[in-house]
Amino acid sequence: MSEPVVVYVLTALAAVVVVLTRLRLRGGQGAGRVFVGKRLLDVHTGAGVLALVVWVVFLVAPDKSLLGGAAAGVVGLALWLVVTIAGLLMLVRWLPSRGRHSTGGAGDRWSEGPGLSVLAHVGMLAAFVVFVVAYVSGGI
């Protein structure tokens, strides 16, 4: 599989991660041991939507245009980095809580544990690394 195809597939998967994270955590209904604040979710979703738009335009616009130029790629990568960091910070909700007044973790219909969240957000980190490597090597 050639490098641009991998970037396009990972872009689509990154969009799915952004959407499913929003759906899973809306209204504070997500699973985990700690409540993830609405602002972190808003940062993840907002940056994800912007990253997707900027990145897709960068990928499909001609190289000589303003939208397909190097600056657009850097902005897209910066936005993907924000999405990745916000997603990894959301994994904190799965850390065990200790203490006399701690409570057990909450469950949901999506999974029995952190597996889906870890897969999505560590996968997002891997996708970001692939995006950076493809950008720097000129593969896209």
Protein backbone atom coordinates (compact mmCIF):
# COMPACT_ATOMS: atom_id res chain seq x y z
CA MET A 1 0.00 0.00 0.00
CA SER A 2 1.49 3.35 -0.95
CA GLU A 3 2.03 6.14 1.55
CA PRO A 4 -0.76 8.52 0.33
CA VAL A 5 -3.33 5.73 0.57
CA VAL A 6 -2.32 5.05 4.18
CA VAL A 7 -2.67 8.77 4.96
CA TYR A 8 -6.16 8.87 3.42
CA VAL A 9 -7.27 5.77 5.34
CA LEU A 10 -5.87 7.10 8.63
CA THR A 11 -7.59 10.45 7.96
CA ALA A 12 -10.92 8.65 7.65
CA LEU A 13 -10.24 6.66 10.82
CA ALA A 14 -9.27 9.84 12.66
CA ALA A 15 -12.62 11.36 11.68
CA VAL A 16 -14.36 8.29 13.10
CA VAL A 17 -12.41 8.67 16.38
CA VAL A 18 -13.49 12.31 16.71
CA VAL A 19 -17.15 11.54 16.03
CA LEU A 20 -17.35 8.42 18.21
CA THR A 21 -15.58 10.13 21.11
CA ARG A 22 -18.14 12.92 20.97
CA LEU A 23 -21.01 10.44 20.84
CA ARG A 24 -19.62 8.32 23.64
CA LEU A 25 -18.99 11.17 26.08
CA ARG A 26 -21.93 13.46 25.34
CA GLY A 27 -23.91 14.46 28.38
CA GLY A 28 -21.32 13.03 30.77
CA GLN A 29 -22.53 9.50 29.99
CA GLY A 30 -19.14 8.00 29.19
CA ALA A 31 -17.64 5.10 31.03
CA GLY A 32 -14.63 5.33 33.27
CA ARG A 33 -13.73 6.18 36.83
CA VAL A 34 -13.36 9.95 36.52
CA PHE A 35 -15.67 12.48 34.87
CA VAL A 36 -14.09 14.16 31.84
CA GLY A 37 -15.00 17.82 31.66
CA LYS A 38 -17.09 19.18 28.82
CA ARG A 39 -14.37 21.64 27.81
CA LEU A 40 -11.85 18.90 27.09
CA LEU A 41 -14.43 17.11 24.97
CA ASP A 42 -15.23 20.40 23.19
CA VAL A 43 -11.52 20.97 22.48
CA HIS A 44 -11.22 17.42 21.14
CA THR A 45 -14.29 17.80 18.90
CA GLY A 46 -13.60 21.37 17.76
CA ALA A 47 -9.96 20.74 16.95
CA GLY A 48 -10.93 17.44 15.32
CA VAL A 49 -13.45 19.04 12.98
CA LEU A 50 -11.03 21.85 12.09
CA ALA A 51 -8.17 19.38 11.64
CA LEU A 52 -10.26 17.22 9.37
CA VAL A 53 -11.35 20.15 7.20
CA VAL A 54 -7.88 21.72 6.96
CA TRP A 55 -6.15 18.36 6.42
CA VAL A 56 -8.54 17.13 3.72
CA VAL A 57 -8.31 20.46 1.88
CA PHE A 58 -4.52 20.25 2.16
CA LEU A 59 -4.53 16.71 0.76
CA VAL A 60 -6.79 17.43 -2.22
CA ALA A 61 -5.76 21.00 -3.13
CA PRO A 62 -3.01 21.53 -5.71
CA ASP A 63 0.47 21.94 -4.23
CA LYS A 64 0.94 25.43 -5.69
CA SER A 65 -2.27 26.82 -4.20
CA LEU A 66 -2.54 28.54 -0.81
CA LEU A 67 -4.79 25.79 0.54
CA GLY A 68 -2.50 23.00 -0.61
CA GLY A 69 0.72 24.68 0.43
CA ALA A 70 3.11 23.87 3.23
CA ALA A 71 1.44 26.27 5.68
CA ALA A 72 -1.89 24.46 5.38
CA GLY A 73 -0.15 21.16 6.09
CA VAL A 74 1.54 22.55 9.19
CA VAL A 75 -1.76 23.99 10.48
CA GLY A 76 -3.45 20.64 9.86
CA LEU A 77 -0.70 18.79 11.71
CA ALA A 78 -0.89 21.22 14.63
CA LEU A 79 -4.63 20.66 14.89
CA TRP A 80 -4.17 16.87 14.78
CA LEU A 81 -1.65 17.24 17.61
CA VAL A 82 -4.25 19.09 19.71
CA VAL A 83 -6.80 16.34 18.99
CA THR A 84 -4.28 13.66 19.95
CA ILE A 85 -3.29 15.34 23.22
CA ALA A 86 -6.92 15.98 24.19
CA GLY A 87 -7.77 12.35 23.44
CA LEU A 88 -4.89 11.03 25.49
CA LEU A 89 -5.90 13.31 28.36
CA MET A 90 -9.39 11.82 28.19
CA LEU A 91 -7.90 8.40 28.89
CA VAL A 92 -7.25 9.65 32.43
CA ARG A 93 -10.87 8.73 33.18
CA TRP A 94 -9.81 5.09 33.22
CA LEU A 95 -7.09 5.46 35.85
CA PRO A 96 -8.01 3.70 39.09
CA SER A 97 -9.16 5.98 41.87
CA ARG A 98 -7.88 5.38 45.37
CA GLY A 99 -8.98 6.54 48.73
CA ARG A 100 -11.70 6.09 51.26
CA HIS A 101 -14.38 7.89 49.26
CA SER A 102 -13.52 6.60 45.80
CA THR A 103 -16.17 4.88 43.74
CA GLY A 104 -16.08 2.13 41.20
CA GLY A 105 -15.94 2.85 37.50
CA ALA A 106 -19.01 3.56 35.43
CA GLY A 107 -19.84 1.35 32.48
CA ASP A 108 -21.61 2.00 29.22
CA ARG A 109 -22.94 0.09 26.21
CA TRP A 110 -19.79 0.66 24.14
CA SER A 111 -17.39 -1.66 25.88
CA GLU A 112 -16.54 -3.38 29.12
CA GLY A 113 -13.39 -1.38 29.76
CA PRO A 114 -10.92 1.09 28.35
CA GLY A 115 -9.98 -1.03 25.33
CA LEU A 116 -11.94 0.96 22.75
CA SER A 117 -10.74 4.31 24.11
CA VAL A 118 -7.13 3.19 24.29
CA LEU A 119 -7.27 1.75 20.78
CA ALA A 120 -8.80 4.94 19.41
CA HIS A 121 -6.51 7.46 21.05
CA VAL A 122 -3.24 5.55 20.90
CA GLY A 123 -4.20 4.86 17.28
CA MET A 124 -4.69 8.61 16.87
CA LEU A 125 -1.16 9.14 18.18
CA ALA A 126 0.14 6.61 15.66
CA ALA A 127 -1.83 8.30 12.87
CA PHE A 128 -0.34 11.66 13.85
CA VAL A 129 3.17 10.19 13.63
CA VAL A 130 2.37 8.75 10.18
CA PHE A 131 0.99 12.14 9.07
CA VAL A 132 4.16 13.91 10.22
CA VAL A 133 6.44 11.36 8.56
CA ALA A 134 4.47 11.52 5.32
CA TYR A 135 4.49 15.32 5.38
CA VAL A 136 8.22 15.63 6.14
CA SER A 137 9.20 12.98 3.59
CA GLY A 138 7.10 14.67 0.92
CA GLY A 139 4.95 11.59 0.44
CA ILE A 140 1.79 13.69 0.42
